[in-house]
Amino acid sequence: MGGTNRTGGAGGAGEAVWLARINPAGLAPATGFSHAVTASGGRLVFLAGQTALDATGALIGTTLPEQFRRALDNLLAALRACGGTPADLARVTVYTTDVADYRAHARELGRIWRESAGRDYPAMAVIGVVRLWDDTALVELDGIAVLPC
């Protein structure tokens, strides 16, 4: 379905933030992401890449879904520390060491996303990489959010 889906950003003082999630009818159906997101009236937050590290720096989980859940939780924790919510995410990039494994777990990863971040999908990309900073990391997520000024 084409058109826009406008949602307000995080509440609070300052100018309202509007993210328009645009999925043109001429493109393949957007399942679990938006083809484009426009933002107005806010401040940008650039979220560093997050892997499945816990507070002590230990990597949590041995499977892609386990590590994806923790990496997403870490990304959302950084966003919340800035006063944002998952609905404020305009862009997320997923880096994985095994795209085939990512595709094989796509349904489960989508469920994890919806449980943690809801259905206000940002523009997204999945990029295969040779390795990540942490040798045993399977996935890393970074993002851009738009919050009220």
N, C-alpha and C. Protein backbone atom coordinates (compact mmCIF):
# COMPACT_ATOMS: atom_id res chain seq x y z
N MET A 1 0.84 -1.18 0.00
CA MET A 1 0.00 0.00 0.00
C MET A 1 0.88 1.23 0.00
N GLY A 2 0.56 2.19 -0.85
CA GLY A 2 1.35 3.42 -0.93
C GLY A 2 0.88 4.42 0.10
N GLY A 3 1.45 5.61 0.03
CA GLY A 3 1.03 6.68 0.92
C GLY A 3 1.91 6.78 2.15
N THR A 4 1.43 7.52 3.12
CA THR A 4 2.22 7.75 4.32
C THR A 4 1.45 7.30 5.54
N ASN A 5 2.19 6.95 6.53
CA ASN A 5 1.65 6.62 7.83
C ASN A 5 2.35 7.55 8.80
N ARG A 6 1.65 8.54 9.27
CA ARG A 6 2.27 9.53 10.14
C ARG A 6 2.06 9.14 11.59
N THR A 7 3.18 9.13 12.33
CA THR A 7 3.11 8.86 13.75
C THR A 7 3.90 9.91 14.47
N GLY A 8 3.41 10.34 15.61
CA GLY A 8 4.14 11.31 16.40
C GLY A 8 5.31 10.64 17.08
N GLY A 9 6.33 11.40 17.33
CA GLY A 9 7.50 10.88 18.03
C GLY A 9 7.27 10.90 19.53
N ALA A 10 8.34 10.81 20.29
CA ALA A 10 8.26 10.81 21.74
C ALA A 10 7.63 12.09 22.23
N GLY A 11 6.85 11.97 23.27
CA GLY A 11 6.18 13.15 23.84
C GLY A 11 7.15 14.05 24.57
N GLY A 12 6.64 15.11 25.10
CA GLY A 12 7.49 16.02 25.87
C GLY A 12 7.47 17.40 25.30
N ALA A 13 8.25 18.26 25.93
CA ALA A 13 8.31 19.66 25.50
C ALA A 13 8.98 19.77 24.15
N GLY A 14 8.71 20.85 23.49
CA GLY A 14 9.34 21.10 22.21
C GLY A 14 8.42 20.80 21.05
N GLU A 15 8.96 20.98 19.88
CA GLU A 15 8.22 20.80 18.65
C GLU A 15 7.89 19.32 18.42
N ALA A 16 6.69 19.06 17.87
CA ALA A 16 6.30 17.69 17.57
C ALA A 16 7.16 17.13 16.45
N VAL A 17 7.42 15.84 16.51
CA VAL A 17 8.18 15.15 15.48
C VAL A 17 7.20 14.28 14.70
N TRP A 18 7.33 14.34 13.40
CA TRP A 18 6.51 13.50 12.55
C TRP A 18 7.40 12.66 11.67
N LEU A 19 7.20 11.36 11.75
CA LEU A 19 7.88 10.44 10.85
C LEU A 19 6.83 9.89 9.90
N ALA A 20 7.06 10.07 8.63
CA ALA A 20 6.15 9.52 7.62
C ALA A 20 6.81 8.28 7.03
N ARG A 21 6.15 7.16 7.16
CA ARG A 21 6.65 5.89 6.63
C ARG A 21 6.00 5.69 5.27
N ILE A 22 6.82 5.66 4.23
CA ILE A 22 6.32 5.68 2.85
C ILE A 22 6.65 4.36 2.17
N ASN A 23 5.61 3.71 1.66
CA ASN A 23 5.75 2.43 0.97
C ASN A 23 4.99 2.50 -0.35
N PRO A 24 5.65 2.98 -1.42
CA PRO A 24 4.99 3.15 -2.72
C PRO A 24 4.44 1.85 -3.28
N ALA A 25 3.30 1.92 -3.92
CA ALA A 25 2.64 0.76 -4.50
C ALA A 25 3.50 0.11 -5.58
N GLY A 26 4.37 0.84 -6.25
CA GLY A 26 5.19 0.31 -7.32
C GLY A 26 6.38 -0.51 -6.86
N LEU A 27 6.62 -0.58 -5.55
CA LEU A 27 7.74 -1.35 -5.02
C LEU A 27 7.22 -2.64 -4.39
N ALA A 28 8.11 -3.61 -4.21
CA ALA A 28 7.72 -4.86 -3.55
C ALA A 28 7.14 -4.55 -2.18
N PRO A 29 6.22 -5.38 -1.70
CA PRO A 29 5.62 -5.13 -0.38
C PRO A 29 6.70 -5.01 0.69
N ALA A 30 6.55 -4.03 1.55
CA ALA A 30 7.50 -3.81 2.64
C ALA A 30 7.05 -4.65 3.83
N THR A 31 7.77 -5.72 4.08
CA THR A 31 7.44 -6.61 5.19
C THR A 31 8.52 -6.48 6.25
N GLY A 32 8.19 -5.87 7.37
CA GLY A 32 9.16 -5.70 8.45
C GLY A 32 10.09 -4.53 8.28
N PHE A 33 9.80 -3.64 7.35
CA PHE A 33 10.59 -2.43 7.16
C PHE A 33 9.73 -1.45 6.36
N SER A 34 10.19 -0.22 6.25
CA SER A 34 9.56 0.78 5.39
C SER A 34 10.54 1.11 4.28
N HIS A 35 10.02 1.35 3.06
CA HIS A 35 10.91 1.70 1.96
C HIS A 35 11.56 3.07 2.17
N ALA A 36 10.83 3.99 2.77
CA ALA A 36 11.37 5.33 3.03
C ALA A 36 10.72 5.89 4.29
N VAL A 37 11.45 6.73 4.98
CA VAL A 37 10.92 7.43 6.16
C VAL A 37 11.38 8.88 6.05
N THR A 38 10.42 9.79 6.12
CA THR A 38 10.79 11.20 6.16
C THR A 38 10.55 11.70 7.58
N ALA A 39 11.31 12.70 7.98
CA ALA A 39 11.21 13.23 9.33
C ALA A 39 11.16 14.74 9.28
N SER A 40 10.38 15.31 10.18
CA SER A 40 10.35 16.77 10.30
C SER A 40 10.17 17.14 11.76
N GLY A 41 10.69 18.31 12.11
CA GLY A 41 10.48 18.88 13.43
C GLY A 41 11.21 18.21 14.57
N GLY A 42 12.43 17.74 14.36
CA GLY A 42 13.11 17.10 15.47
C GLY A 42 14.61 17.20 15.41
N ARG A 43 15.25 16.50 16.34
CA ARG A 43 16.71 16.43 16.37
C ARG A 43 17.14 15.00 16.08
N LEU A 44 18.23 14.89 15.37
CA LEU A 44 18.73 13.57 14.99
C LEU A 44 19.53 12.94 16.12
N VAL A 45 19.36 11.63 16.27
CA VAL A 45 20.16 10.84 17.21
C VAL A 45 20.80 9.73 16.39
N PHE A 46 22.12 9.68 16.39
CA PHE A 46 22.85 8.65 15.67
C PHE A 46 23.25 7.58 16.69
N LEU A 47 22.76 6.37 16.49
CA LEU A 47 22.98 5.28 17.43
C LEU A 47 24.12 4.39 16.94
N ALA A 48 25.13 4.23 17.76
CA ALA A 48 26.29 3.42 17.41
C ALA A 48 25.89 1.96 17.25
N GLY A 49 26.71 1.24 16.50
CA GLY A 49 26.46 -0.19 16.32
C GLY A 49 26.45 -0.92 17.65
N GLN A 50 25.45 -1.78 17.80
CA GLN A 50 25.30 -2.56 19.02
C GLN A 50 25.31 -4.04 18.69
N THR A 51 26.14 -4.78 19.41
CA THR A 51 26.14 -6.24 19.30
C THR A 51 25.47 -6.78 20.56
N ALA A 52 25.65 -8.06 20.80
CA ALA A 52 24.98 -8.73 21.92
C ALA A 52 25.80 -8.69 23.21
N LEU A 53 26.52 -7.60 23.42
CA LEU A 53 27.32 -7.49 24.65
C LEU A 53 26.45 -7.12 25.84
N ASP A 54 26.77 -7.72 27.00
CA ASP A 54 26.10 -7.31 28.24
C ASP A 54 26.89 -6.17 28.88
N ALA A 55 26.46 -5.74 30.05
CA ALA A 55 27.08 -4.60 30.72
C ALA A 55 28.54 -4.84 31.10
N THR A 56 28.95 -6.10 31.18
CA THR A 56 30.35 -6.41 31.52
C THR A 56 31.23 -6.56 30.27
N GLY A 57 30.61 -6.51 29.09
CA GLY A 57 31.36 -6.68 27.85
C GLY A 57 31.39 -8.11 27.35
N ALA A 58 30.63 -9.00 27.99
CA ALA A 58 30.56 -10.39 27.54
C ALA A 58 29.48 -10.54 26.48
N LEU A 59 29.77 -11.32 25.46
CA LEU A 59 28.80 -11.57 24.39
C LEU A 59 27.75 -12.57 24.88
N ILE A 60 26.48 -12.22 24.69
CA ILE A 60 25.36 -13.04 25.14
C ILE A 60 24.77 -13.79 23.94
N GLY A 61 24.61 -15.10 24.07
CA GLY A 61 23.97 -15.91 23.05
C GLY A 61 24.93 -16.47 22.03
N THR A 62 24.56 -17.63 21.51
CA THR A 62 25.38 -18.29 20.50
C THR A 62 24.66 -18.39 19.17
N THR A 63 23.34 -18.15 19.16
CA THR A 63 22.57 -18.22 17.91
C THR A 63 22.24 -16.81 17.44
N LEU A 64 21.94 -16.70 16.15
CA LEU A 64 21.58 -15.40 15.60
C LEU A 64 20.36 -14.80 16.30
N PRO A 65 19.27 -15.55 16.50
CA PRO A 65 18.12 -14.93 17.20
C PRO A 65 18.47 -14.44 18.61
N GLU A 66 19.26 -15.21 19.36
CA GLU A 66 19.64 -14.78 20.71
C GLU A 66 20.45 -13.49 20.64
N GLN A 67 21.41 -13.45 19.74
CA GLN A 67 22.24 -12.25 19.63
C GLN A 67 21.45 -11.07 19.06
N PHE A 68 20.55 -11.32 18.13
CA PHE A 68 19.72 -10.25 17.58
C PHE A 68 18.89 -9.61 18.68
N ARG A 69 18.26 -10.43 19.52
CA ARG A 69 17.43 -9.90 20.62
C ARG A 69 18.26 -8.99 21.51
N ARG A 70 19.45 -9.44 21.90
CA ARG A 70 20.29 -8.64 22.80
C ARG A 70 20.80 -7.37 22.11
N ALA A 71 21.22 -7.49 20.85
CA ALA A 71 21.70 -6.31 20.12
C ALA A 71 20.58 -5.29 19.97
N LEU A 72 19.36 -5.74 19.67
CA LEU A 72 18.23 -4.83 19.56
C LEU A 72 17.92 -4.20 20.91
N ASP A 73 17.94 -5.00 21.97
CA ASP A 73 17.72 -4.44 23.31
C ASP A 73 18.76 -3.36 23.62
N ASN A 74 20.01 -3.60 23.25
CA ASN A 74 21.07 -2.62 23.49
C ASN A 74 20.83 -1.34 22.68
N LEU A 75 20.44 -1.49 21.41
CA LEU A 75 20.15 -0.33 20.57
C LEU A 75 19.01 0.49 21.17
N LEU A 76 17.95 -0.20 21.60
CA LEU A 76 16.81 0.50 22.17
C LEU A 76 17.15 1.13 23.52
N ALA A 77 18.05 0.53 24.29
CA ALA A 77 18.49 1.12 25.56
C ALA A 77 19.23 2.43 25.30
N ALA A 78 20.08 2.45 24.28
CA ALA A 78 20.79 3.69 23.94
C ALA A 78 19.80 4.75 23.48
N LEU A 79 18.80 4.35 22.70
CA LEU A 79 17.77 5.28 22.24
C LEU A 79 16.97 5.83 23.41
N ARG A 80 16.57 4.96 24.32
CA ARG A 80 15.79 5.41 25.49
C ARG A 80 16.61 6.36 26.36
N ALA A 81 17.92 6.14 26.45
CA ALA A 81 18.79 7.02 27.23
C ALA A 81 18.79 8.44 26.67
N CYS A 82 18.45 8.57 25.38
CA CYS A 82 18.35 9.88 24.73
C CYS A 82 16.94 10.44 24.81
N GLY A 83 16.02 9.70 25.41
CA GLY A 83 14.64 10.14 25.52
C GLY A 83 13.74 9.64 24.40
N GLY A 84 14.21 8.67 23.62
CA GLY A 84 13.45 8.19 22.48
C GLY A 84 12.75 6.87 22.74
N THR A 85 11.91 6.50 21.79
CA THR A 85 11.20 5.24 21.80
C THR A 85 11.43 4.55 20.45
N PRO A 86 11.09 3.27 20.34
CA PRO A 86 11.26 2.59 19.06
C PRO A 86 10.54 3.29 17.90
N ALA A 87 9.42 3.93 18.17
CA ALA A 87 8.67 4.63 17.12
C ALA A 87 9.47 5.80 16.54
N ASP A 88 10.51 6.26 17.23
CA ASP A 88 11.34 7.37 16.77
C ASP A 88 12.43 6.93 15.79
N LEU A 89 12.61 5.62 15.61
CA LEU A 89 13.64 5.13 14.70
C LEU A 89 13.26 5.44 13.27
N ALA A 90 14.14 6.12 12.55
CA ALA A 90 13.92 6.41 11.14
C ALA A 90 14.70 5.44 10.26
N ARG A 91 15.84 4.95 10.75
CA ARG A 91 16.72 4.09 9.94
C ARG A 91 17.44 3.11 10.85
N VAL A 92 17.50 1.84 10.45
CA VAL A 92 18.29 0.82 11.14
C VAL A 92 19.04 0.02 10.09
N THR A 93 20.31 -0.21 10.34
CA THR A 93 21.11 -1.07 9.49
C THR A 93 21.50 -2.30 10.31
N VAL A 94 21.30 -3.46 9.72
CA VAL A 94 21.66 -4.73 10.35
C VAL A 94 22.86 -5.28 9.59
N TYR A 95 23.92 -5.57 10.32
CA TYR A 95 25.11 -6.18 9.76
C TYR A 95 25.15 -7.62 10.28
N THR A 96 25.28 -8.58 9.38
CA THR A 96 25.33 -9.97 9.81
C THR A 96 26.48 -10.69 9.13
N THR A 97 27.06 -11.65 9.84
CA THR A 97 28.15 -12.43 9.27
C THR A 97 27.64 -13.59 8.41
N ASP A 98 26.31 -13.80 8.39
CA ASP A 98 25.74 -14.91 7.62
C ASP A 98 24.34 -14.52 7.14
N VAL A 99 24.26 -13.97 5.93
CA VAL A 99 22.97 -13.52 5.40
C VAL A 99 22.02 -14.70 5.23
N ALA A 100 22.52 -15.86 4.82
CA ALA A 100 21.66 -17.03 4.66
C ALA A 100 21.02 -17.42 5.99
N ASP A 101 21.78 -17.37 7.07
CA ASP A 101 21.25 -17.67 8.40
C ASP A 101 20.22 -16.62 8.80
N TYR A 102 20.48 -15.36 8.47
CA TYR A 102 19.54 -14.29 8.76
C TYR A 102 18.22 -14.55 8.03
N ARG A 103 18.29 -14.90 6.77
CA ARG A 103 17.08 -15.19 5.99
C ARG A 103 16.35 -16.40 6.57
N ALA A 104 17.10 -17.42 6.97
CA ALA A 104 16.49 -18.62 7.53
C ALA A 104 15.73 -18.33 8.82
N HIS A 105 16.17 -17.32 9.56
CA HIS A 105 15.53 -16.95 10.84
C HIS A 105 14.66 -15.71 10.72
N ALA A 106 14.35 -15.28 9.50
CA ALA A 106 13.65 -14.02 9.29
C ALA A 106 12.33 -13.93 10.07
N ARG A 107 11.55 -14.98 10.08
CA ARG A 107 10.27 -14.94 10.81
C ARG A 107 10.49 -14.71 12.31
N GLU A 108 11.44 -15.47 12.87
CA GLU A 108 11.73 -15.33 14.30
C GLU A 108 12.31 -13.95 14.61
N LEU A 109 13.19 -13.45 13.75
CA LEU A 109 13.77 -12.12 13.97
C LEU A 109 12.68 -11.05 13.87
N GLY A 110 11.74 -11.23 12.95
CA GLY A 110 10.61 -10.31 12.84
C GLY A 110 9.76 -10.31 14.10
N ARG A 111 9.54 -11.49 14.66
CA ARG A 111 8.76 -11.59 15.91
C ARG A 111 9.50 -10.88 17.05
N ILE A 112 10.81 -11.10 17.13
CA ILE A 112 11.62 -10.43 18.16
C ILE A 112 11.52 -8.92 17.98
N TRP A 113 11.63 -8.44 16.74
CA TRP A 113 11.52 -7.00 16.48
C TRP A 113 10.18 -6.47 16.98
N ARG A 114 9.08 -7.14 16.59
CA ARG A 114 7.74 -6.65 16.97
C ARG A 114 7.56 -6.64 18.49
N GLU A 115 8.08 -7.67 19.19
CA GLU A 115 7.98 -7.72 20.65
C GLU A 115 8.73 -6.56 21.30
N SER A 116 9.87 -6.21 20.76
CA SER A 116 10.72 -5.18 21.37
C SER A 116 10.46 -3.78 20.85
N ALA A 117 10.16 -3.67 19.54
CA ALA A 117 10.11 -2.34 18.91
C ALA A 117 8.76 -2.01 18.28
N GLY A 118 7.84 -2.95 18.24
CA GLY A 118 6.52 -2.68 17.69
C GLY A 118 6.49 -2.77 16.18
N ARG A 119 5.49 -2.11 15.58
CA ARG A 119 5.26 -2.22 14.13
C ARG A 119 5.48 -0.91 13.38
N ASP A 120 6.08 0.09 14.03
CA ASP A 120 6.46 1.32 13.33
C ASP A 120 7.83 1.07 12.75
N TYR A 121 7.86 0.46 11.57
CA TYR A 121 9.12 0.02 11.00
C TYR A 121 9.92 1.16 10.40
N PRO A 122 11.23 1.22 10.71
CA PRO A 122 12.10 2.20 10.08
C PRO A 122 12.51 1.72 8.69
N ALA A 123 13.16 2.58 7.94
CA ALA A 123 13.84 2.15 6.73
C ALA A 123 14.98 1.24 7.20
N MET A 124 15.17 0.12 6.54
CA MET A 124 16.16 -0.85 7.02
C MET A 124 16.97 -1.42 5.86
N ALA A 125 18.14 -1.91 6.19
CA ALA A 125 18.98 -2.67 5.26
C ALA A 125 19.67 -3.76 6.06
N VAL A 126 19.87 -4.91 5.41
CA VAL A 126 20.66 -6.00 5.98
C VAL A 126 21.89 -6.14 5.10
N ILE A 127 23.05 -6.09 5.73
CA ILE A 127 24.32 -6.11 4.99
C ILE A 127 25.17 -7.27 5.51
N GLY A 128 25.63 -8.11 4.60
CA GLY A 128 26.53 -9.19 4.97
C GLY A 128 27.95 -8.67 5.11
N VAL A 129 28.60 -9.10 6.18
CA VAL A 129 29.98 -8.67 6.45
C VAL A 129 30.84 -9.91 6.74
N VAL A 130 32.12 -9.77 6.55
CA VAL A 130 33.04 -10.89 6.79
C VAL A 130 33.10 -11.21 8.28
N ARG A 131 33.20 -10.15 9.09
CA ARG A 131 33.22 -10.33 10.54
C ARG A 131 32.89 -9.02 11.20
N LEU A 132 32.58 -9.09 12.48
CA LEU A 132 32.30 -7.90 13.28
C LEU A 132 33.44 -7.69 14.27
N TRP A 133 33.41 -6.57 14.98
CA TRP A 133 34.48 -6.24 15.92
C TRP A 133 34.74 -7.37 16.91
N ASP A 134 33.65 -7.90 17.49
CA ASP A 134 33.78 -9.04 18.40
C ASP A 134 33.77 -10.31 17.55
N ASP A 135 34.83 -11.11 17.67
CA ASP A 135 35.00 -12.29 16.81
C ASP A 135 33.78 -13.21 16.77
N THR A 136 33.10 -13.38 17.87
CA THR A 136 31.97 -14.33 17.93
C THR A 136 30.61 -13.66 17.72
N ALA A 137 30.61 -12.36 17.45
CA ALA A 137 29.35 -11.66 17.19
C ALA A 137 28.82 -12.07 15.82
N LEU A 138 27.53 -12.32 15.76
CA LEU A 138 26.87 -12.72 14.51
C LEU A 138 26.08 -11.59 13.88
N VAL A 139 25.76 -10.56 14.68
CA VAL A 139 24.91 -9.48 14.20
C VAL A 139 25.23 -8.19 14.94
N GLU A 140 25.07 -7.07 14.24
CA GLU A 140 25.24 -5.74 14.83
C GLU A 140 24.18 -4.84 14.22
N LEU A 141 23.59 -3.98 15.05
CA LEU A 141 22.57 -3.04 14.58
C LEU A 141 22.99 -1.63 14.93
N ASP A 142 22.83 -0.70 13.96
CA ASP A 142 22.98 0.72 14.26
C ASP A 142 21.75 1.44 13.74
N GLY A 143 21.59 2.70 14.11
CA GLY A 143 20.39 3.38 13.68
C GLY A 143 20.45 4.88 13.77
N ILE A 144 19.42 5.48 13.22
CA ILE A 144 19.20 6.93 13.30
C ILE A 144 17.77 7.14 13.76
N ALA A 145 17.59 7.99 14.76
CA ALA A 145 16.27 8.31 15.27
C ALA A 145 16.06 9.82 15.18
N VAL A 146 14.80 10.23 15.23
CA VAL A 146 14.45 11.64 15.23
C VAL A 146 13.57 11.89 16.46
N LEU A 147 14.06 12.78 17.34
CA LEU A 147 13.37 13.09 18.59
C LEU A 147 12.95 14.55 18.60
N PRO A 148 12.02 14.90 19.51
CA PRO A 148 11.61 16.31 19.61
C PRO A 148 12.80 17.20 19.96
N CYS A 149 12.75 18.43 19.49
CA CYS A 149 13.80 19.41 19.80
C CYS A 149 13.75 19.81 21.25
